[in-house]
Amino acid sequence: MIKVNVDRRGSGSPLVLLHGIGHRWQAWQPVLDLLAAEHEVIALDLPGFGLSPDLPPGYTHDLVGTMRVLPELFRTPSARN
């Protein structure tokens, strides 16, 4: 099971924020509270960035490798820290 570091705040319709390559969830810090006023904001460190562990063996550090793990993260609440 893949786990990632998550900052979650607010309530309402969910809004997932994904940072760019080489960054972390804190890239969204300037707008998090504004967005959380109307949404449940979920900002995460993609695998291998910030405080999230690296991708499992066999996964590549590119768009394809990252896209392989994202569906699992959103299907499995226990995958989030």
PDB file of N, CA and C in Angstrom:
ATOM      1  N   MET A   1       0.839  -1.178   0.000  1.00  0.00           N
ATOM      2  CA  MET A   1       0.000   0.000   0.000  1.00  0.00           C
ATOM      3  C   MET A   1       0.887   1.245   0.000  1.00  0.00           C
ATOM      4  N   ILE A   2       0.508   2.212  -0.785  1.00  0.00           N
ATOM      5  CA  ILE A   2       1.255   3.451  -0.918  1.00  0.00           C
ATOM      6  C   ILE A   2       0.675   4.489   0.033  1.00  0.00           C
ATOM      7  N   LYS A   3       1.546   5.184   0.772  1.00  0.00           N
ATOM      8  CA  LYS A   3       1.104   6.244   1.672  1.00  0.00           C
ATOM      9  C   LYS A   3       1.749   7.557   1.233  1.00  0.00           C
ATOM     10  N   VAL A   4       1.018   8.645   1.462  1.00  0.00           N
ATOM     11  CA  VAL A   4       1.565   9.964   1.158  1.00  0.00           C
ATOM     12  C   VAL A   4       1.259  10.915   2.306  1.00  0.00           C
ATOM     13  N   ASN A   5       2.043  11.971   2.397  1.00  0.00           N
ATOM     14  CA  ASN A   5       1.822  13.035   3.368  1.00  0.00           C
ATOM     15  C   ASN A   5       0.728  13.961   2.836  1.00  0.00           C
ATOM     16  N   VAL A   6      -0.262  14.247   3.690  1.00  0.00           N
ATOM     17  CA  VAL A   6      -1.416  15.039   3.258  1.00  0.00           C
ATOM     18  C   VAL A   6      -1.699  16.168   4.243  1.00  0.00           C
ATOM     19  N   ASP A   7      -2.049  17.334   3.731  1.00  0.00           N
ATOM     20  CA  ASP A   7      -2.625  18.417   4.523  1.00  0.00           C
ATOM     21  C   ASP A   7      -4.063  18.550   4.058  1.00  0.00           C
ATOM     22  N   ARG A   8      -5.008  18.367   4.981  1.00  0.00           N
ATOM     23  CA  ARG A   8      -6.428  18.403   4.635  1.00  0.00           C
ATOM     24  C   ARG A   8      -7.105  19.420   5.539  1.00  0.00           C
ATOM     25  N   ARG A   9      -7.922  20.299   4.928  1.00  0.00           N
ATOM     26  CA  ARG A   9      -8.633  21.308   5.714  1.00  0.00           C
ATOM     27  C   ARG A   9      -9.898  21.734   4.999  1.00  0.00           C
ATOM     28  N   GLY A  10     -10.799  22.366   5.751  1.00  0.00           N
ATOM     29  CA  GLY A  10     -12.029  22.882   5.193  1.00  0.00           C
ATOM     30  C   GLY A  10     -13.102  21.822   5.051  1.00  0.00           C
ATOM     31  N   SER A  11     -14.231  22.236   4.493  1.00  0.00           N
ATOM     32  CA  SER A  11     -15.332  21.315   4.237  1.00  0.00           C
ATOM     33  C   SER A  11     -16.060  21.784   2.983  1.00  0.00           C
ATOM     34  N   GLY A  12     -16.832  20.889   2.440  1.00  0.00           N
ATOM     35  CA  GLY A  12     -17.528  21.178   1.189  1.00  0.00           C
ATOM     36  C   GLY A  12     -17.077  20.207   0.126  1.00  0.00           C
ATOM     37  N   SER A  13     -17.249  20.590  -1.125  1.00  0.00           N
ATOM     38  CA  SER A  13     -16.831  19.705  -2.216  1.00  0.00           C
ATOM     39  C   SER A  13     -15.307  19.562  -2.182  1.00  0.00           C
ATOM     40  N   PRO A  14     -14.807  18.340  -2.422  1.00  0.00           N
ATOM     41  CA  PRO A  14     -13.362  18.132  -2.344  1.00  0.00           C
ATOM     42  C   PRO A  14     -12.615  18.796  -3.494  1.00  0.00           C
ATOM     43  N   LEU A  15     -11.449  19.320  -3.164  1.00  0.00           N
ATOM     44  CA  LEU A  15     -10.556  19.944  -4.136  1.00  0.00           C
ATOM     45  C   LEU A  15      -9.160  19.395  -3.861  1.00  0.00           C
ATOM     46  N   VAL A  16      -8.603  18.660  -4.807  1.00  0.00           N
ATOM     47  CA  VAL A  16      -7.282  18.052  -4.649  1.00  0.00           C
ATOM     48  C   VAL A  16      -6.249  18.942  -5.332  1.00  0.00           C
ATOM     49  N   LEU A  17      -5.192  19.269  -4.590  1.00  0.00           N
ATOM     50  CA  LEU A  17      -4.119  20.114  -5.113  1.00  0.00           C
ATOM     51  C   LEU A  17      -2.857  19.279  -5.266  1.00  0.00           C
ATOM     52  N   LEU A  18      -2.337  19.209  -6.478  1.00  0.00           N
ATOM     53  CA  LEU A  18      -1.115  18.466  -6.772  1.00  0.00           C
ATOM     54  C   LEU A  18      -0.011  19.452  -7.126  1.00  0.00           C
ATOM     55  N   HIS A  19       1.110  19.335  -6.460  1.00  0.00           N
ATOM     56  CA  HIS A  19       2.247  20.222  -6.724  1.00  0.00           C
ATOM     57  C   HIS A  19       2.991  19.787  -7.979  1.00  0.00           C
ATOM     58  N   GLY A  20       3.850  20.657  -8.462  1.00  0.00           N
ATOM     59  CA  GLY A  20       4.695  20.334  -9.601  1.00  0.00           C
ATOM     60  C   GLY A  20       5.862  19.444  -9.198  1.00  0.00           C
ATOM     61  N   ILE A  21       6.543  18.898 -10.183  1.00  0.00           N
ATOM     62  CA  ILE A  21       7.681  18.027  -9.931  1.00  0.00           C
ATOM     63  C   ILE A  21       8.774  18.822  -9.212  1.00  0.00           C
ATOM     64  N   GLY A  22       9.334  18.213  -8.172  1.00  0.00           N
ATOM     65  CA  GLY A  22      10.401  18.847  -7.412  1.00  0.00           C
ATOM     66  C   GLY A  22       9.899  19.770  -6.322  1.00  0.00           C
ATOM     67  N   HIS A  23       8.622  19.742  -6.032  1.00  0.00           N
ATOM     68  CA  HIS A  23       8.072  20.638  -5.012  1.00  0.00           C
ATOM     69  C   HIS A  23       7.397  19.802  -3.938  1.00  0.00           C
ATOM     70  N   ARG A  24       6.498  20.400  -3.170  1.00  0.00           N
ATOM     71  CA  ARG A  24       5.757  19.713  -2.104  1.00  0.00           C
ATOM     72  C   ARG A  24       4.454  20.452  -1.862  1.00  0.00           C
ATOM     73  N   TRP A  25       3.602  19.909  -0.974  1.00  0.00           N
ATOM     74  CA  TRP A  25       2.263  20.477  -0.782  1.00  0.00           C
ATOM     75  C   TRP A  25       2.303  21.934  -0.345  1.00  0.00           C
ATOM     76  N   GLN A  26       3.362  22.354   0.340  1.00  0.00           N
ATOM     77  CA  GLN A  26       3.445  23.726   0.831  1.00  0.00           C
ATOM     78  C   GLN A  26       3.454  24.765  -0.285  1.00  0.00           C
ATOM     79  N   ALA A  27       3.635  24.341  -1.522  1.00  0.00           N
ATOM     80  CA  ALA A  27       3.551  25.278  -2.649  1.00  0.00           C
ATOM     81  C   ALA A  27       2.180  25.946  -2.680  1.00  0.00           C
ATOM     82  N   TRP A  28       1.167  25.264  -2.132  1.00  0.00           N
ATOM     83  CA  TRP A  28      -0.207  25.778  -2.118  1.00  0.00           C
ATOM     84  C   TRP A  28      -0.516  26.619  -0.883  1.00  0.00           C
ATOM     85  N   GLN A  29       0.409  26.767   0.046  1.00  0.00           N
ATOM     86  CA  GLN A  29       0.182  27.463   1.312  1.00  0.00           C
ATOM     87  C   GLN A  29      -0.489  28.834   1.147  1.00  0.00           C
ATOM     88  N   PRO A  30      -0.086  29.671   0.186  1.00  0.00           N
ATOM     89  CA  PRO A  30      -0.700  30.997   0.079  1.00  0.00           C
ATOM     90  C   PRO A  30      -2.205  30.992  -0.203  1.00  0.00           C
ATOM     91  N   VAL A  31      -2.734  29.900  -0.765  1.00  0.00           N
ATOM     92  CA  VAL A  31      -4.159  29.887  -1.126  1.00  0.00           C
ATOM     93  C   VAL A  31      -4.981  28.845  -0.366  1.00  0.00           C
ATOM     94  N   LEU A  32      -4.348  28.047   0.484  1.00  0.00           N
ATOM     95  CA  LEU A  32      -5.060  26.957   1.151  1.00  0.00           C
ATOM     96  C   LEU A  32      -6.256  27.443   1.960  1.00  0.00           C
ATOM     97  N   ASP A  33      -6.067  28.431   2.802  1.00  0.00           N
ATOM     98  CA  ASP A  33      -7.176  28.878   3.644  1.00  0.00           C
ATOM     99  C   ASP A  33      -8.288  29.533   2.827  1.00  0.00           C
ATOM    100  N   LEU A  34      -7.930  30.223   1.768  1.00  0.00           N
ATOM    101  CA  LEU A  34      -8.955  30.817   0.894  1.00  0.00           C
ATOM    102  C   LEU A  34      -9.800  29.727   0.243  1.00  0.00           C
ATOM    103  N   LEU A  35      -9.156  28.703  -0.252  1.00  0.00           N
ATOM    104  CA  LEU A  35      -9.880  27.601  -0.889  1.00  0.00           C
ATOM    105  C   LEU A  35     -10.678  26.795   0.138  1.00  0.00           C
ATOM    106  N   ALA A  36     -10.123  26.638   1.344  1.00  0.00           N
ATOM    107  CA  ALA A  36     -10.788  25.852   2.383  1.00  0.00           C
ATOM    108  C   ALA A  36     -12.045  26.537   2.910  1.00  0.00           C
ATOM    109  N   ALA A  37     -12.221  27.801   2.622  1.00  0.00           N
ATOM    110  CA  ALA A  37     -13.446  28.488   3.041  1.00  0.00           C
ATOM    111  C   ALA A  37     -14.667  27.918   2.331  1.00  0.00           C
ATOM    112  N   GLU A  38     -14.466  27.282   1.168  1.00  0.00           N
ATOM    113  CA  GLU A  38     -15.591  26.751   0.397  1.00  0.00           C
ATOM    114  C   GLU A  38     -15.452  25.281   0.013  1.00  0.00           C
ATOM    115  N   HIS A  39     -14.279  24.684   0.268  1.00  0.00           N
ATOM    116  CA  HIS A  39     -14.016  23.309  -0.163  1.00  0.00           C
ATOM    117  C   HIS A  39     -13.315  22.518   0.927  1.00  0.00           C
ATOM    118  N   GLU A  40     -13.397  21.205   0.815  1.00  0.00           N
ATOM    119  CA  GLU A  40     -12.478  20.352   1.552  1.00  0.00           C
ATOM    120  C   GLU A  40     -11.230  20.288   0.685  1.00  0.00           C
ATOM    121  N   VAL A  41     -10.149  20.895   1.152  1.00  0.00           N
ATOM    122  CA  VAL A  41      -8.921  20.983   0.366  1.00  0.00           C
ATOM    123  C   VAL A  41      -7.986  19.862   0.794  1.00  0.00           C
ATOM    124  N   ILE A  42      -7.496  19.129  -0.193  1.00  0.00           N
ATOM    125  CA  ILE A  42      -6.578  18.019   0.037  1.00  0.00           C
ATOM    126  C   ILE A  42      -5.305  18.325  -0.750  1.00  0.00           C
ATOM    127  N   ALA A  43      -4.266  18.756  -0.022  1.00  0.00           N
ATOM    128  CA  ALA A  43      -2.973  19.050  -0.642  1.00  0.00           C
ATOM    129  C   ALA A  43      -2.011  17.954  -0.204  1.00  0.00           C
ATOM    130  N   LEU A  44      -1.364  17.310  -1.149  1.00  0.00           N
ATOM    131  CA  LEU A  44      -0.510  16.181  -0.789  1.00  0.00           C
ATOM    132  C   LEU A  44       0.874  16.305  -1.393  1.00  0.00           C
ATOM    133  N   ASP A  45       1.801  15.631  -0.723  1.00  0.00           N
ATOM    134  CA  ASP A  45       3.139  15.456  -1.281  1.00  0.00           C
ATOM    135  C   ASP A  45       3.072  14.227  -2.170  1.00  0.00           C
ATOM    136  N   LEU A  46       3.340  14.394  -3.448  1.00  0.00           N
ATOM    137  CA  LEU A  46       3.390  13.239  -4.343  1.00  0.00           C
ATOM    138  C   LEU A  46       4.470  12.273  -3.866  1.00  0.00           C
ATOM    139  N   PRO A  47       4.358  10.988  -4.178  1.00  0.00           N
ATOM    140  CA  PRO A  47       5.365  10.019  -3.745  1.00  0.00           C
ATOM    141  C   PRO A  47       6.776  10.439  -4.156  1.00  0.00           C
ATOM    142  N   GLY A  48       7.686  10.385  -3.167  1.00  0.00           N
ATOM    143  CA  GLY A  48       9.078  10.745  -3.405  1.00  0.00           C
ATOM    144  C   GLY A  48       9.377  12.223  -3.214  1.00  0.00           C
ATOM    145  N   PHE A  49       8.374  13.005  -2.824  1.00  0.00           N
ATOM    146  CA  PHE A  49       8.562  14.442  -2.610  1.00  0.00           C
ATOM    147  C   PHE A  49       8.087  14.822  -1.216  1.00  0.00           C
ATOM    148  N   GLY A  50       8.633  15.925  -0.681  1.00  0.00           N
ATOM    149  CA  GLY A  50       8.231  16.369   0.644  1.00  0.00           C
ATOM    150  C   GLY A  50       8.434  15.261   1.664  1.00  0.00           C
ATOM    151  N   LEU A  51       7.392  14.976   2.443  1.00  0.00           N
ATOM    152  CA  LEU A  51       7.470  13.932   3.469  1.00  0.00           C
ATOM    153  C   LEU A  51       6.877  12.600   3.028  1.00  0.00           C
ATOM    154  N   SER A  52       6.530  12.473   1.767  1.00  0.00           N
ATOM    155  CA  SER A  52       5.984  11.203   1.265  1.00  0.00           C
ATOM    156  C   SER A  52       7.113  10.250   0.902  1.00  0.00           C
ATOM    157  N   PRO A  53       6.947   8.968   1.245  1.00  0.00           N
ATOM    158  CA  PRO A  53       7.964   7.994   0.859  1.00  0.00           C
ATOM    159  C   PRO A  53       8.070   7.864  -0.661  1.00  0.00           C
ATOM    160  N   ASP A  54       9.162   7.302  -1.077  1.00  0.00           N
ATOM    161  CA  ASP A  54       9.423   7.106  -2.505  1.00  0.00           C
ATOM    162  C   ASP A  54       8.398   6.156  -3.126  1.00  0.00           C
ATOM    163  N   LEU A  55       8.334   6.165  -4.438  1.00  0.00           N
ATOM    164  CA  LEU A  55       7.487   5.218  -5.159  1.00  0.00           C
ATOM    165  C   LEU A  55       7.995   3.800  -4.921  1.00  0.00           C
ATOM    166  N   PRO A  56       7.104   2.819  -4.960  1.00  0.00           N
ATOM    167  CA  PRO A  56       7.547   1.428  -4.781  1.00  0.00           C
ATOM    168  C   PRO A  56       8.448   0.987  -5.933  1.00  0.00           C
ATOM    169  N   PRO A  57       9.212  -0.075  -5.715  1.00  0.00           N
ATOM    170  CA  PRO A  57      10.034  -0.621  -6.799  1.00  0.00           C
ATOM    171  C   PRO A  57       9.162  -0.928  -8.018  1.00  0.00           C
ATOM    172  N   GLY A  58       9.704  -0.665  -9.188  1.00  0.00           N
ATOM    173  CA  GLY A  58       8.981  -0.935 -10.422  1.00  0.00           C
ATOM    174  C   GLY A  58       8.186   0.250 -10.942  1.00  0.00           C
ATOM    175  N   TYR A  59       8.099   1.318 -10.144  1.00  0.00           N
ATOM    176  CA  TYR A  59       7.401   2.527 -10.578  1.00  0.00           C
ATOM    177  C   TYR A  59       8.438   3.550 -11.010  1.00  0.00           C
ATOM    178  N   THR A  60       8.156   4.269 -12.079  1.00  0.00           N
ATOM    179  CA  THR A  60       9.085   5.280 -12.576  1.00  0.00           C
ATOM    180  C   THR A  60       8.707   6.660 -12.046  1.00  0.00           C
ATOM    181  N   HIS A  61       9.724   7.500 -11.843  1.00  0.00           N
ATOM    182  CA  HIS A  61       9.493   8.876 -11.387  1.00  0.00           C
ATOM    183  C   HIS A  61       9.195   9.765 -12.587  1.00  0.00           C
ATOM    184  N   ASP A  62       8.025   9.571 -13.137  1.00  0.00           N
ATOM    185  CA  ASP A  62       7.560  10.397 -14.250  1.00  0.00           C
ATOM    186  C   ASP A  62       6.043  10.443 -14.180  1.00  0.00           C
ATOM    187  N   LEU A  63       5.415  11.059 -15.136  1.00  0.00           N
ATOM    188  CA  LEU A  63       3.969  11.193 -15.124  1.00  0.00           C
ATOM    189  C   LEU A  63       3.274   9.830 -15.114  1.00  0.00           C
ATOM    190  N   VAL A  64       3.777   8.893 -15.898  1.00  0.00           N
ATOM    191  CA  VAL A  64       3.167   7.573 -15.968  1.00  0.00           C
ATOM    192  C   VAL A  64       3.248   6.860 -14.608  1.00  0.00           C
ATOM    193  N   GLY A  65       4.413   6.880 -13.982  1.00  0.00           N
ATOM    194  CA  GLY A  65       4.582   6.220 -12.686  1.00  0.00           C
ATOM    195  C   GLY A  65       3.722   6.849 -11.616  1.00  0.00           C
ATOM    196  N   THR A  66       3.657   8.167 -11.603  1.00  0.00           N
ATOM    197  CA  THR A  66       2.840   8.864 -10.610  1.00  0.00           C
ATOM    198  C   THR A  66       1.361   8.599 -10.842  1.00  0.00           C
ATOM    199  N   MET A  67       0.928   8.600 -12.086  1.00  0.00           N
ATOM    200  CA  MET A  67      -0.478   8.360 -12.394  1.00  0.00           C
ATOM    201  C   MET A  67      -0.899   6.935 -12.023  1.00  0.00           C
ATOM    202  N   ARG A  68       0.041   6.021 -11.961  1.00  0.00           N
ATOM    203  CA  ARG A  68      -0.293   4.658 -11.537  1.00  0.00           C
ATOM    204  C   ARG A  68      -0.703   4.601 -10.076  1.00  0.00           C
ATOM    205  N   VAL A  69      -0.142   5.486  -9.234  1.00  0.00           N
ATOM    206  CA  VAL A  69      -0.431   5.409  -7.802  1.00  0.00           C
ATOM    207  C   VAL A  69      -1.593   6.308  -7.365  1.00  0.00           C
ATOM    208  N   LEU A  70      -1.892   7.363  -8.099  1.00  0.00           N
ATOM    209  CA  LEU A  70      -2.931   8.290  -7.656  1.00  0.00           C
ATOM    210  C   LEU A  70      -4.305   7.643  -7.476  1.00  0.00           C
ATOM    211  N   PRO A  71      -4.773   6.804  -8.377  1.00  0.00           N
ATOM    212  CA  PRO A  71      -6.088   6.180  -8.136  1.00  0.00           C
ATOM    213  C   PRO A  71      -6.146   5.405  -6.821  1.00  0.00           C
ATOM    214  N   GLU A  72      -5.078   4.706  -6.469  1.00  0.00           N
ATOM    215  CA  GLU A  72      -5.056   3.963  -5.210  1.00  0.00           C
ATOM    216  C   GLU A  72      -5.149   4.906  -4.010  1.00  0.00           C
ATOM    217  N   LEU A  73      -4.499   6.046  -4.098  1.00  0.00           N
ATOM    218  CA  LEU A  73      -4.528   6.996  -2.987  1.00  0.00           C
ATOM    219  C   LEU A  73      -5.933   7.483  -2.690  1.00  0.00           C
ATOM    220  N   PHE A  74      -6.728   7.678  -3.717  1.00  0.00           N
ATOM    221  CA  PHE A  74      -8.063   8.216  -3.518  1.00  0.00           C
ATOM    222  C   PHE A  74      -9.107   7.137  -3.252  1.00  0.00           C
ATOM    223  N   ARG A  75      -8.796   5.901  -3.532  1.00  0.00           N
ATOM    224  CA  ARG A  75      -9.709   4.791  -3.225  1.00  0.00           C
ATOM    225  C   ARG A  75      -9.541   4.308  -1.798  1.00  0.00           C
ATOM    226  N   THR A  76      -8.347   4.502  -1.229  1.00  0.00           N
ATOM    227  CA  THR A  76      -8.004   3.918   0.061  1.00  0.00           C
ATOM    228  C   THR A  76      -7.733   4.995   1.094  1.00  0.00           C
ATOM    229  N   PRO A  77      -8.712   5.339   1.952  1.00  0.00           N
ATOM    230  CA  PRO A  77      -8.475   6.384   2.965  1.00  0.00           C
ATOM    231  C   PRO A  77      -7.291   6.082   3.865  1.00  0.00           C
ATOM    232  N   SER A  78      -7.013   4.826   4.158  1.00  0.00           N
ATOM    233  CA  SER A  78      -5.901   4.496   5.050  1.00  0.00           C
ATOM    234  C   SER A  78      -4.546   4.739   4.393  1.00  0.00           C
ATOM    235  N   ALA A  79      -4.512   5.031   3.092  1.00  0.00           N
ATOM    236  CA  ALA A  79      -3.246   5.293   2.419  1.00  0.00           C
ATOM    237  C   ALA A  79      -2.741   6.690   2.730  1.00  0.00           C
ATOM    238  N   ARG A  80      -3.580   7.508   3.318  1.00  0.00           N
ATOM    239  CA  ARG A  80      -3.178   8.891   3.618  1.00  0.00           C
ATOM    240  C   ARG A  80      -2.690   8.980   5.053  1.00  0.00           C
ATOM    241  N   ASN A  81      -1.638   9.766   5.257  1.00  0.00           N
ATOM    242  CA  ASN A  81      -1.143  10.030   6.618  1.00  0.00           C
ATOM    243  C   ASN A  81      -1.976  11.095   7.274  1.00  0.00           C
TER     244      ASN A  81
END
